[in-house]
Amino acid sequence: MTKTITPHLWFDKNAADAVTFYISLFEDSCLNNHTVLTGTPSGDVDVLNFKLWGSPFMAINAGPLFKFNQSISFFVYCGSEEKIDLLYNKLCEGGTVMMPLDKYDWTTKYAWVQDKFGISWQLDVDEIKSDQKIVPALMFANEKRELVKEAIDHYTAVFPGSRILMEYAYPPTFNMPAGTLMFSQVKLSGYIMNVMSSHMKHDFDFNEAISMVVTCKDQKELDHYWNRLTEGGQEQPCGWLKDRYGVSWQIVPRDMEEMMTAGNKEALSRATQVMLKMKKFDIEALQKAYRGPA
């Protein structure tokens, strides 16, 4: 199975400004495509595909339904003091500092900030032995804080060719059940994600503001991810789902990306209207709608 995991950011109406800002901060970054979907419940929806430091991202303008919070942040392995200082100063402008840039037990220089658009970033001066310098981080909080090990075992079972790269348990001083993971890192079919927990009480949980898009080559692959990730979870419209932990995923066919970038507005509109009636995507039905009447 071949697939791509892409973080997806849901904005009210300032996705383009946010993407322009992020592209200005990171090297090897660019806007790949800007498409408008018409006739959706949110009206005309801007969809932006872009790249940050070599990693794919997506963003949409789709109204004020969901708000960003710290349940999903982006861990940036800066690799130098010059880079972390630059990113910290820029991301702090108009934003909020959760943990100031300083030395911590686990690294010589680290910070956690929420930028002016609401996205959270964890900045670490250390390097990562990967081309992927920006890594999504899922935070399991409150009643979910003891589920990190269960979650990473589940995710690595769902995504073929996956493995656990790192596990760090809570020290005894935290009075957590023995073996409870504080931090872990996994590689899901080649894509790195951090999964962590917090022993403190928080007023946030996972929501649809940040989801993970899984791009599938065919219906068999799409069915696999949809069926496995909805186990104990919830099906939602338009290829969206929530897994058993409340994390949002979008399981989409590669064909949909091609439809959105081809520039055929009339054909895309037909496919969009069919898509809006689906939960799990039916690739053949989408293709038929896109092609139009024979």
C-alpha atoms as a PDB file:
ATOM      1  CA  MET A   1       0.000   0.000   0.000  1.00  0.00           C
ATOM      2  CA  THR A   2       1.275   3.455  -0.883  1.00  0.00           C
ATOM      3  CA  LYS A   3      -0.182   6.538   0.726  1.00  0.00           C
ATOM      4  CA  THR A   4       0.546  10.013   1.929  1.00  0.00           C
ATOM      5  CA  ILE A   5      -0.382  11.551   5.279  1.00  0.00           C
ATOM      6  CA  THR A   6      -0.904  15.297   5.069  1.00  0.00           C
ATOM      7  CA  PRO A   7      -1.863  17.625   7.951  1.00  0.00           C
ATOM      8  CA  HIS A   8      -5.021  19.599   7.125  1.00  0.00           C
ATOM      9  CA  LEU A   9      -5.708  22.985   8.771  1.00  0.00           C
ATOM     10  CA  TRP A  10      -9.277  24.349   8.991  1.00  0.00           C
ATOM     11  CA  PHE A  11      -9.433  28.157   9.023  1.00  0.00           C
ATOM     12  CA  ASP A  12     -12.425  30.478   9.167  1.00  0.00           C
ATOM     13  CA  LYS A  13     -11.352  32.833   6.363  1.00  0.00           C
ATOM     14  CA  ASN A  14      -7.642  33.607   6.690  1.00  0.00           C
ATOM     15  CA  ALA A  15      -6.042  30.434   5.317  1.00  0.00           C
ATOM     16  CA  ALA A  16      -4.256  32.296   2.511  1.00  0.00           C
ATOM     17  CA  ASP A  17      -2.695  34.792   4.942  1.00  0.00           C
ATOM     18  CA  ALA A  18      -1.595  31.985   7.249  1.00  0.00           C
ATOM     19  CA  VAL A  19      -0.085  29.936   4.420  1.00  0.00           C
ATOM     20  CA  THR A  20       1.797  32.974   3.083  1.00  0.00           C
ATOM     21  CA  PHE A  21       3.165  33.607   6.580  1.00  0.00           C
ATOM     22  CA  TYR A  22       4.287  30.010   7.102  1.00  0.00           C
ATOM     23  CA  ILE A  23       5.912  29.786   3.682  1.00  0.00           C
ATOM     24  CA  SER A  24       7.946  32.900   4.535  1.00  0.00           C
ATOM     25  CA  LEU A  25       9.357  31.205   7.651  1.00  0.00           C
ATOM     26  CA  PHE A  26      10.545  27.846   6.358  1.00  0.00           C
ATOM     27  CA  GLU A  27      12.998  26.975   3.615  1.00  0.00           C
ATOM     28  CA  ASP A  28      11.944  24.604   0.826  1.00  0.00           C
ATOM     29  CA  SER A  29       8.366  25.914   1.081  1.00  0.00           C
ATOM     30  CA  CYS A  30       5.841  26.946  -1.562  1.00  0.00           C
ATOM     31  CA  LEU A  31       2.163  27.099  -2.497  1.00  0.00           C
ATOM     32  CA  ASN A  32       1.441  24.214  -4.864  1.00  0.00           C
ATOM     33  CA  ASN A  33      -2.212  24.816  -5.675  1.00  0.00           C
ATOM     34  CA  HIS A  34      -5.189  26.984  -4.723  1.00  0.00           C
ATOM     35  CA  THR A  35      -8.611  25.566  -5.638  1.00  0.00           C
ATOM     36  CA  VAL A  36     -12.122  26.827  -4.882  1.00  0.00           C
ATOM     37  CA  LEU A  37     -14.889  24.317  -4.189  1.00  0.00           C
ATOM     38  CA  THR A  38     -18.335  25.776  -4.896  1.00  0.00           C
ATOM     39  CA  GLY A  39     -21.784  24.856  -3.621  1.00  0.00           C
ATOM     40  CA  THR A  40     -20.707  23.445  -0.239  1.00  0.00           C
ATOM     41  CA  PRO A  41     -22.581  23.994   3.071  1.00  0.00           C
ATOM     42  CA  SER A  42     -19.870  26.573   3.886  1.00  0.00           C
ATOM     43  CA  GLY A  43     -20.321  28.316   0.539  1.00  0.00           C
ATOM     44  CA  ASP A  44     -17.231  28.721  -1.649  1.00  0.00           C
ATOM     45  CA  VAL A  45     -14.343  26.935   0.082  1.00  0.00           C
ATOM     46  CA  ASP A  46     -10.709  27.781  -0.634  1.00  0.00           C
ATOM     47  CA  VAL A  47      -8.434  24.723  -0.612  1.00  0.00           C
ATOM     48  CA  LEU A  48      -4.688  25.351  -0.493  1.00  0.00           C
ATOM     49  CA  ASN A  49      -2.036  22.705  -0.985  1.00  0.00           C
ATOM     50  CA  PHE A  50       1.401  23.839   0.130  1.00  0.00           C
ATOM     51  CA  LYS A  51       4.779  22.638   1.316  1.00  0.00           C
ATOM     52  CA  LEU A  52       6.679  23.631   4.470  1.00  0.00           C
ATOM     53  CA  TRP A  53      10.338  22.644   4.790  1.00  0.00           C
ATOM     54  CA  GLY A  54       9.685  19.904   2.255  1.00  0.00           C
ATOM     55  CA  SER A  55       6.582  18.462   3.981  1.00  0.00           C
ATOM     56  CA  PRO A  56       3.066  18.566   2.446  1.00  0.00           C
ATOM     57  CA  PHE A  57       0.273  20.510   4.151  1.00  0.00           C
ATOM     58  CA  MET A  58      -3.309  21.499   3.300  1.00  0.00           C
ATOM     59  CA  ALA A  59      -5.468  24.390   4.477  1.00  0.00           C
ATOM     60  CA  ILE A  60      -9.069  25.453   3.851  1.00  0.00           C
ATOM     61  CA  ASN A  61     -11.317  28.420   4.504  1.00  0.00           C
ATOM     62  CA  ALA A  62     -14.583  26.844   5.624  1.00  0.00           C
ATOM     63  CA  GLY A  63     -16.102  29.031   8.326  1.00  0.00           C
ATOM     64  CA  PRO A  64     -15.811  29.313  12.124  1.00  0.00           C
ATOM     65  CA  LEU A  65     -16.949  25.788  12.989  1.00  0.00           C
ATOM     66  CA  PHE A  66     -13.730  24.612  14.648  1.00  0.00           C
ATOM     67  CA  LYS A  67     -10.996  26.326  16.653  1.00  0.00           C
ATOM     68  CA  PHE A  68      -7.335  25.378  16.873  1.00  0.00           C
ATOM     69  CA  ASN A  69      -6.001  24.212  20.233  1.00  0.00           C
ATOM     70  CA  GLN A  70      -2.916  22.511  21.669  1.00  0.00           C
ATOM     71  CA  SER A  71      -4.212  18.941  21.225  1.00  0.00           C
ATOM     72  CA  ILE A  72      -2.348  18.810  17.908  1.00  0.00           C
ATOM     73  CA  SER A  73       0.789  20.877  17.497  1.00  0.00           C
ATOM     74  CA  PHE A  74       3.733  20.799  15.111  1.00  0.00           C
ATOM     75  CA  PHE A  75       7.140  19.800  16.422  1.00  0.00           C
ATOM     76  CA  VAL A  76       9.912  21.548  14.490  1.00  0.00           C
ATOM     77  CA  TYR A  77      13.402  20.059  14.685  1.00  0.00           C
ATOM     78  CA  CYS A  78      15.336  23.239  13.975  1.00  0.00           C
ATOM     79  CA  GLY A  79      18.891  21.891  13.900  1.00  0.00           C
ATOM     80  CA  SER A  80      20.578  25.160  14.895  1.00  0.00           C
ATOM     81  CA  GLU A  81      20.326  28.029  17.358  1.00  0.00           C
ATOM     82  CA  GLU A  82      20.012  30.473  14.464  1.00  0.00           C
ATOM     83  CA  LYS A  83      16.966  28.648  13.097  1.00  0.00           C
ATOM     84  CA  ILE A  84      15.186  28.203  16.429  1.00  0.00           C
ATOM     85  CA  ASP A  85      15.776  31.855  17.394  1.00  0.00           C
ATOM     86  CA  LEU A  86      14.364  33.046  14.063  1.00  0.00           C
ATOM     87  CA  LEU A  87      11.266  30.829  14.214  1.00  0.00           C
ATOM     88  CA  TYR A  88      10.603  31.649  17.863  1.00  0.00           C
ATOM     89  CA  ASN A  89      10.729  35.388  17.293  1.00  0.00           C
ATOM     90  CA  LYS A  90       8.506  35.254  14.201  1.00  0.00           C
ATOM     91  CA  LEU A  91       5.944  32.834  15.612  1.00  0.00           C
ATOM     92  CA  CYS A  92       5.639  34.829  18.841  1.00  0.00           C
ATOM     93  CA  GLU A  93       4.532  37.970  16.977  1.00  0.00           C
ATOM     94  CA  GLY A  94       0.860  38.401  17.871  1.00  0.00           C
ATOM     95  CA  GLY A  95       0.800  34.933  19.415  1.00  0.00           C
ATOM     96  CA  THR A  96       1.080  33.339  22.854  1.00  0.00           C
ATOM     97  CA  VAL A  97       4.066  31.720  24.546  1.00  0.00           C
ATOM     98  CA  MET A  98       3.180  28.529  26.410  1.00  0.00           C
ATOM     99  CA  MET A  99       6.780  27.609  27.252  1.00  0.00           C
ATOM    100  CA  PRO A 100       9.471  30.268  26.658  1.00  0.00           C
ATOM    101  CA  LEU A 101      12.639  29.570  24.708  1.00  0.00           C
ATOM    102  CA  ASP A 102      15.004  28.088  27.257  1.00  0.00           C
ATOM    103  CA  LYS A 103      16.973  25.048  28.339  1.00  0.00           C
ATOM    104  CA  TYR A 104      14.844  22.123  29.545  1.00  0.00           C
ATOM    105  CA  ASP A 105      15.566  18.656  30.917  1.00  0.00           C
ATOM    106  CA  TRP A 106      15.188  17.003  27.510  1.00  0.00           C
ATOM    107  CA  THR A 107      17.058  19.522  25.328  1.00  0.00           C
ATOM    108  CA  THR A 108      19.363  22.504  25.440  1.00  0.00           C
ATOM    109  CA  LYS A 109      16.855  24.825  23.758  1.00  0.00           C
ATOM    110  CA  TYR A 110      13.092  24.454  23.341  1.00  0.00           C
ATOM    111  CA  ALA A 111       9.897  26.517  23.200  1.00  0.00           C
ATOM    112  CA  TRP A 112       6.151  25.993  22.740  1.00  0.00           C
ATOM    113  CA  VAL A 113       4.234  28.852  21.125  1.00  0.00           C
ATOM    114  CA  GLN A 114       0.809  29.459  19.627  1.00  0.00           C
ATOM    115  CA  ASP A 115       1.040  31.772  16.626  1.00  0.00           C
ATOM    116  CA  LYS A 116      -1.285  34.618  15.683  1.00  0.00           C
ATOM    117  CA  PHE A 117      -3.488  32.246  13.650  1.00  0.00           C
ATOM    118  CA  GLY A 118      -3.909  29.796  16.546  1.00  0.00           C
ATOM    119  CA  ILE A 119      -1.568  27.004  15.378  1.00  0.00           C
ATOM    120  CA  SER A 120       0.739  25.573  18.066  1.00  0.00           C
ATOM    121  CA  TRP A 121       4.427  24.919  17.424  1.00  0.00           C
ATOM    122  CA  GLN A 122       6.973  23.071  19.532  1.00  0.00           C
ATOM    123  CA  LEU A 123      10.472  24.223  18.619  1.00  0.00           C
ATOM    124  CA  ASP A 124      13.517  22.102  19.433  1.00  0.00           C
ATOM    125  CA  VAL A 125      17.096  23.047  18.630  1.00  0.00           C
ATOM    126  CA  ASP A 126      17.961  19.396  18.033  1.00  0.00           C
ATOM    127  CA  GLU A 127      18.124  17.840  14.588  1.00  0.00           C
ATOM    128  CA  ILE A 128      16.104  14.869  13.390  1.00  0.00           C
ATOM    129  CA  LYS A 129      17.654  12.120  11.294  1.00  0.00           C
ATOM    130  CA  SER A 130      15.021  12.497   8.593  1.00  0.00           C
ATOM    131  CA  ASP A 131      14.101  14.753   5.696  1.00  0.00           C
ATOM    132  CA  GLN A 132      10.857  15.413   7.586  1.00  0.00           C
ATOM    133  CA  LYS A 133      11.714  18.367   9.845  1.00  0.00           C
ATOM    134  CA  ILE A 134       8.126  19.222  10.877  1.00  0.00           C
ATOM    135  CA  VAL A 135       6.338  16.468  12.815  1.00  0.00           C
ATOM    136  CA  PRO A 136       2.679  16.572  13.972  1.00  0.00           C
ATOM    137  CA  ALA A 137       2.315  15.915  17.697  1.00  0.00           C
ATOM    138  CA  LEU A 138      -0.884  14.466  19.178  1.00  0.00           C
ATOM    139  CA  MET A 139      -1.431  15.255  22.867  1.00  0.00           C
ATOM    140  CA  PHE A 140      -3.546  12.790  24.843  1.00  0.00           C
ATOM    141  CA  ALA A 141      -4.928  14.706  27.822  1.00  0.00           C
ATOM    142  CA  ASN A 142      -7.328  14.271  30.734  1.00  0.00           C
ATOM    143  CA  GLU A 143      -9.048  10.849  30.655  1.00  0.00           C
ATOM    144  CA  LYS A 144      -6.987   9.884  27.569  1.00  0.00           C
ATOM    145  CA  ARG A 145      -3.586  10.540  29.120  1.00  0.00           C
ATOM    146  CA  GLU A 146      -2.852   6.840  29.774  1.00  0.00           C
ATOM    147  CA  LEU A 147      -3.734   5.750  26.211  1.00  0.00           C
ATOM    148  CA  VAL A 148      -0.570   6.724  24.317  1.00  0.00           C
ATOM    149  CA  LYS A 149       0.838   3.186  24.202  1.00  0.00           C
ATOM    150  CA  GLU A 150      -2.507   1.761  23.096  1.00  0.00           C
ATOM    151  CA  ALA A 151      -2.809   4.453  20.416  1.00  0.00           C
ATOM    152  CA  ILE A 152       0.631   3.979  18.885  1.00  0.00           C
ATOM    153  CA  ASP A 153       0.147   0.211  18.811  1.00  0.00           C
ATOM    154  CA  HIS A 154      -3.173   0.785  17.021  1.00  0.00           C
ATOM    155  CA  TYR A 155      -1.810   3.263  14.486  1.00  0.00           C
ATOM    156  CA  THR A 156       1.237   1.160  13.624  1.00  0.00           C
ATOM    157  CA  ALA A 157      -1.094  -1.823  13.071  1.00  0.00           C
ATOM    158  CA  VAL A 158      -3.340   0.201  10.731  1.00  0.00           C
ATOM    159  CA  PHE A 159      -0.555   1.648   8.548  1.00  0.00           C
ATOM    160  CA  PRO A 160       1.545  -1.004   6.780  1.00  0.00           C
ATOM    161  CA  GLY A 161       5.312  -0.826   7.103  1.00  0.00           C
ATOM    162  CA  SER A 162       5.091   1.191  10.322  1.00  0.00           C
ATOM    163  CA  ARG A 163       7.246   1.068  13.433  1.00  0.00           C
ATOM    164  CA  ILE A 164       7.693   2.698  16.813  1.00  0.00           C
ATOM    165  CA  LEU A 165      10.828   4.848  16.881  1.00  0.00           C
ATOM    166  CA  MET A 166      10.821   5.988  20.497  1.00  0.00           C
ATOM    167  CA  GLU A 167       9.007   5.415  23.790  1.00  0.00           C
ATOM    168  CA  TYR A 168       9.588   7.379  26.985  1.00  0.00           C
ATOM    169  CA  ALA A 169       7.624   6.467  30.113  1.00  0.00           C
ATOM    170  CA  TYR A 170       6.719   8.781  32.978  1.00  0.00           C
ATOM    171  CA  PRO A 171       9.289   8.744  35.797  1.00  0.00           C
ATOM    172  CA  PRO A 172       7.982   7.366  39.138  1.00  0.00           C
ATOM    173  CA  THR A 173       7.797  10.907  40.582  1.00  0.00           C
ATOM    174  CA  PHE A 174       4.693  11.605  38.441  1.00  0.00           C
ATOM    175  CA  ASN A 175       2.690   8.855  40.215  1.00  0.00           C
ATOM    176  CA  MET A 176       1.345   7.525  36.933  1.00  0.00           C
ATOM    177  CA  PRO A 177       0.657   3.788  36.386  1.00  0.00           C
ATOM    178  CA  ALA A 178       3.883   1.947  35.621  1.00  0.00           C
ATOM    179  CA  GLY A 179       4.749   2.043  31.925  1.00  0.00           C
ATOM    180  CA  THR A 180       2.475   4.993  31.064  1.00  0.00           C
ATOM    181  CA  LEU A 181       4.088   6.794  28.137  1.00  0.00           C
ATOM    182  CA  MET A 182       4.858  10.496  28.349  1.00  0.00           C
ATOM    183  CA  PHE A 183       6.256  10.710  24.799  1.00  0.00           C
ATOM    184  CA  SER A 184       6.582   8.478  21.780  1.00  0.00           C
ATOM    185  CA  GLN A 185       7.502   8.792  18.127  1.00  0.00           C
ATOM    186  CA  VAL A 186       6.189   6.562  15.343  1.00  0.00           C
ATOM    187  CA  LYS A 187       6.736   6.230  11.623  1.00  0.00           C
ATOM    188  CA  LEU A 188       3.458   5.459   9.872  1.00  0.00           C
ATOM    189  CA  SER A 189       4.260   4.078   6.411  1.00  0.00           C
ATOM    190  CA  GLY A 190       7.185   6.493   6.236  1.00  0.00           C
ATOM    191  CA  TYR A 191       5.507   9.536   7.847  1.00  0.00           C
ATOM    192  CA  ILE A 192       6.724  10.528  11.320  1.00  0.00           C
ATOM    193  CA  MET A 193       4.326  11.557  14.087  1.00  0.00           C
ATOM    194  CA  ASN A 194       4.840  12.285  17.786  1.00  0.00           C
ATOM    195  CA  VAL A 195       2.278  11.067  20.309  1.00  0.00           C
ATOM    196  CA  MET A 196       2.479  12.446  23.835  1.00  0.00           C
ATOM    197  CA  SER A 197       0.436  12.800  27.002  1.00  0.00           C
ATOM    198  CA  SER A 198      -0.022  15.420  29.687  1.00  0.00           C
ATOM    199  CA  HIS A 199      -0.447  14.697  33.388  1.00  0.00           C
ATOM    200  CA  MET A 200      -2.105  18.107  33.880  1.00  0.00           C
ATOM    201  CA  LYS A 201      -5.778  19.000  33.437  1.00  0.00           C
ATOM    202  CA  HIS A 202      -6.605  20.747  30.149  1.00  0.00           C
ATOM    203  CA  ASP A 203      -9.731  22.321  28.692  1.00  0.00           C
ATOM    204  CA  PHE A 204      -9.125  21.049  25.161  1.00  0.00           C
ATOM    205  CA  ASP A 205      -9.396  17.832  23.184  1.00  0.00           C
ATOM    206  CA  PHE A 206      -8.977  16.719  19.581  1.00  0.00           C
ATOM    207  CA  ASN A 207     -11.332  18.320  17.055  1.00  0.00           C
ATOM    208  CA  GLU A 208     -11.671  18.812  13.304  1.00  0.00           C
ATOM    209  CA  ALA A 209      -9.589  22.010  13.180  1.00  0.00           C
ATOM    210  CA  ILE A 210      -6.546  19.843  12.457  1.00  0.00           C
ATOM    211  CA  SER A 211      -7.063  16.522  10.725  1.00  0.00           C
ATOM    212  CA  MET A 212      -4.793  14.060   8.951  1.00  0.00           C
ATOM    213  CA  VAL A 213      -5.462  13.352   5.273  1.00  0.00           C
ATOM    214  CA  VAL A 214      -4.620   9.866   4.018  1.00  0.00           C
ATOM    215  CA  THR A 215      -4.369   9.785   0.224  1.00  0.00           C
ATOM    216  CA  CYS A 216      -5.179   6.361  -1.260  1.00  0.00           C
ATOM    217  CA  LYS A 217      -4.334   4.917  -4.661  1.00  0.00           C
ATOM    218  CA  ASP A 218      -7.523   2.849  -5.117  1.00  0.00           C
ATOM    219  CA  GLN A 219     -10.803   1.759  -3.497  1.00  0.00           C
ATOM    220  CA  LYS A 220      -9.227  -1.259  -1.786  1.00  0.00           C
ATOM    221  CA  GLU A 221      -6.702   0.902   0.008  1.00  0.00           C
ATOM    222  CA  LEU A 222      -9.333   3.512   0.851  1.00  0.00           C
ATOM    223  CA  ASP A 223     -11.623   0.812   2.305  1.00  0.00           C
ATOM    224  CA  HIS A 224      -8.749  -0.507   4.427  1.00  0.00           C
ATOM    225  CA  TYR A 225      -8.030   2.824   6.130  1.00  0.00           C
ATOM    226  CA  TRP A 226     -11.698   3.745   6.470  1.00  0.00           C
ATOM    227  CA  ASN A 227     -12.634   0.431   8.048  1.00  0.00           C
ATOM    228  CA  ARG A 228      -9.675   0.276  10.420  1.00  0.00           C
ATOM    229  CA  LEU A 229      -9.749   3.902  11.569  1.00  0.00           C
ATOM    230  CA  THR A 230     -13.523   3.923  12.154  1.00  0.00           C
ATOM    231  CA  GLU A 231     -13.248   0.897  14.501  1.00  0.00           C
ATOM    232  CA  GLY A 232     -14.604   2.329  17.748  1.00  0.00           C
ATOM    233  CA  GLY A 233     -14.812   5.723  16.051  1.00  0.00           C
ATOM    234  CA  GLN A 234     -17.344   7.675  14.034  1.00  0.00           C
ATOM    235  CA  GLU A 235     -18.044   8.070  10.319  1.00  0.00           C
ATOM    236  CA  GLN A 236     -18.525  11.645   9.139  1.00  0.00           C
ATOM    237  CA  PRO A 237     -19.491  13.260   5.807  1.00  0.00           C
ATOM    238  CA  CYS A 238     -17.186  13.865   2.836  1.00  0.00           C
ATOM    239  CA  GLY A 239     -14.533  11.281   3.635  1.00  0.00           C
ATOM    240  CA  TRP A 240     -14.016  12.483   7.203  1.00  0.00           C
ATOM    241  CA  LEU A 241     -13.968  10.259  10.281  1.00  0.00           C
ATOM    242  CA  LYS A 242     -13.052  10.363  13.939  1.00  0.00           C
ATOM    243  CA  ASP A 243     -11.026   7.456  15.260  1.00  0.00           C
ATOM    244  CA  ARG A 244     -11.534   5.783  18.650  1.00  0.00           C
ATOM    245  CA  TYR A 245      -9.436   8.511  20.324  1.00  0.00           C
ATOM    246  CA  GLY A 246     -11.257  11.445  18.723  1.00  0.00           C
ATOM    247  CA  VAL A 247      -8.524  12.283  16.198  1.00  0.00           C
ATOM    248  CA  SER A 248      -9.950  13.408  12.844  1.00  0.00           C
ATOM    249  CA  TRP A 249      -8.818  11.806   9.578  1.00  0.00           C
ATOM    250  CA  GLN A 250      -9.795  12.304   5.953  1.00  0.00           C
ATOM    251  CA  ILE A 251      -9.532   9.201   3.771  1.00  0.00           C
ATOM    252  CA  VAL A 252      -9.436  10.422   0.185  1.00  0.00           C
ATOM    253  CA  PRO A 253      -8.608   8.976  -3.245  1.00  0.00           C
ATOM    254  CA  ARG A 254      -5.650  10.255  -5.207  1.00  0.00           C
ATOM    255  CA  ASP A 255      -8.127  10.926  -8.012  1.00  0.00           C
ATOM    256  CA  MET A 256      -9.720  13.696  -5.923  1.00  0.00           C
ATOM    257  CA  GLU A 257      -6.449  15.592  -5.770  1.00  0.00           C
ATOM    258  CA  GLU A 258      -6.108  15.289  -9.538  1.00  0.00           C
ATOM    259  CA  MET A 259      -9.676  16.567 -10.018  1.00  0.00           C
ATOM    260  CA  MET A 260      -8.974  19.577  -7.807  1.00  0.00           C
ATOM    261  CA  THR A 261      -5.785  20.572  -9.608  1.00  0.00           C
ATOM    262  CA  ALA A 262      -6.885  19.962 -13.218  1.00  0.00           C
ATOM    263  CA  GLY A 263      -8.624  23.323 -13.526  1.00  0.00           C
ATOM    264  CA  ASN A 264     -11.924  21.980 -14.899  1.00  0.00           C
ATOM    265  CA  LYS A 265     -14.360  23.927 -12.696  1.00  0.00           C
ATOM    266  CA  GLU A 266     -17.551  22.454 -14.154  1.00  0.00           C
ATOM    267  CA  ALA A 267     -16.360  18.868 -13.760  1.00  0.00           C
ATOM    268  CA  LEU A 268     -15.079  19.574 -10.239  1.00  0.00           C
ATOM    269  CA  SER A 269     -18.444  21.092  -9.300  1.00  0.00           C
ATOM    270  CA  ARG A 270     -20.244  17.918 -10.426  1.00  0.00           C
ATOM    271  CA  ALA A 271     -17.863  15.742  -8.407  1.00  0.00           C
ATOM    272  CA  THR A 272     -18.231  18.016  -5.371  1.00  0.00           C
ATOM    273  CA  GLN A 273     -22.015  17.663  -5.342  1.00  0.00           C
ATOM    274  CA  VAL A 274     -21.680  13.871  -5.389  1.00  0.00           C
ATOM    275  CA  MET A 275     -18.964  13.994  -2.720  1.00  0.00           C
ATOM    276  CA  LEU A 276     -21.204  15.997  -0.375  1.00  0.00           C
ATOM    277  CA  LYS A 277     -23.681  13.101  -0.266  1.00  0.00           C
ATOM    278  CA  MET A 278     -21.048  10.543   0.749  1.00  0.00           C
ATOM    279  CA  LYS A 279     -19.409   9.484   3.963  1.00  0.00           C
ATOM    280  CA  LYS A 280     -16.836   6.951   2.772  1.00  0.00           C
ATOM    281  CA  PHE A 281     -15.790   7.908  -0.748  1.00  0.00           C
ATOM    282  CA  ASP A 282     -16.884   5.799  -3.710  1.00  0.00           C
ATOM    283  CA  ILE A 283     -14.116   6.444  -6.227  1.00  0.00           C
ATOM    284  CA  GLU A 284     -16.044   5.105  -9.231  1.00  0.00           C
ATOM    285  CA  ALA A 285     -19.023   7.375  -8.466  1.00  0.00           C
ATOM    286  CA  LEU A 286     -16.744  10.400  -8.113  1.00  0.00           C
ATOM    287  CA  GLN A 287     -15.027   9.614 -11.400  1.00  0.00           C
ATOM    288  CA  LYS A 288     -18.361   9.190 -13.153  1.00  0.00           C
ATOM    289  CA  ALA A 289     -19.627  12.517 -11.856  1.00  0.00           C
ATOM    290  CA  TYR A 290     -16.397  14.249 -12.861  1.00  0.00           C
ATOM    291  CA  ARG A 291     -16.564  12.854 -16.399  1.00  0.00           C
ATOM    292  CA  GLY A 292     -20.191  13.972 -16.769  1.00  0.00           C
ATOM    293  CA  PRO A 293     -22.828  12.670 -19.185  1.00  0.00           C
ATOM    294  CA  ALA A 294     -21.535  10.293 -21.831  1.00  0.00           C
END
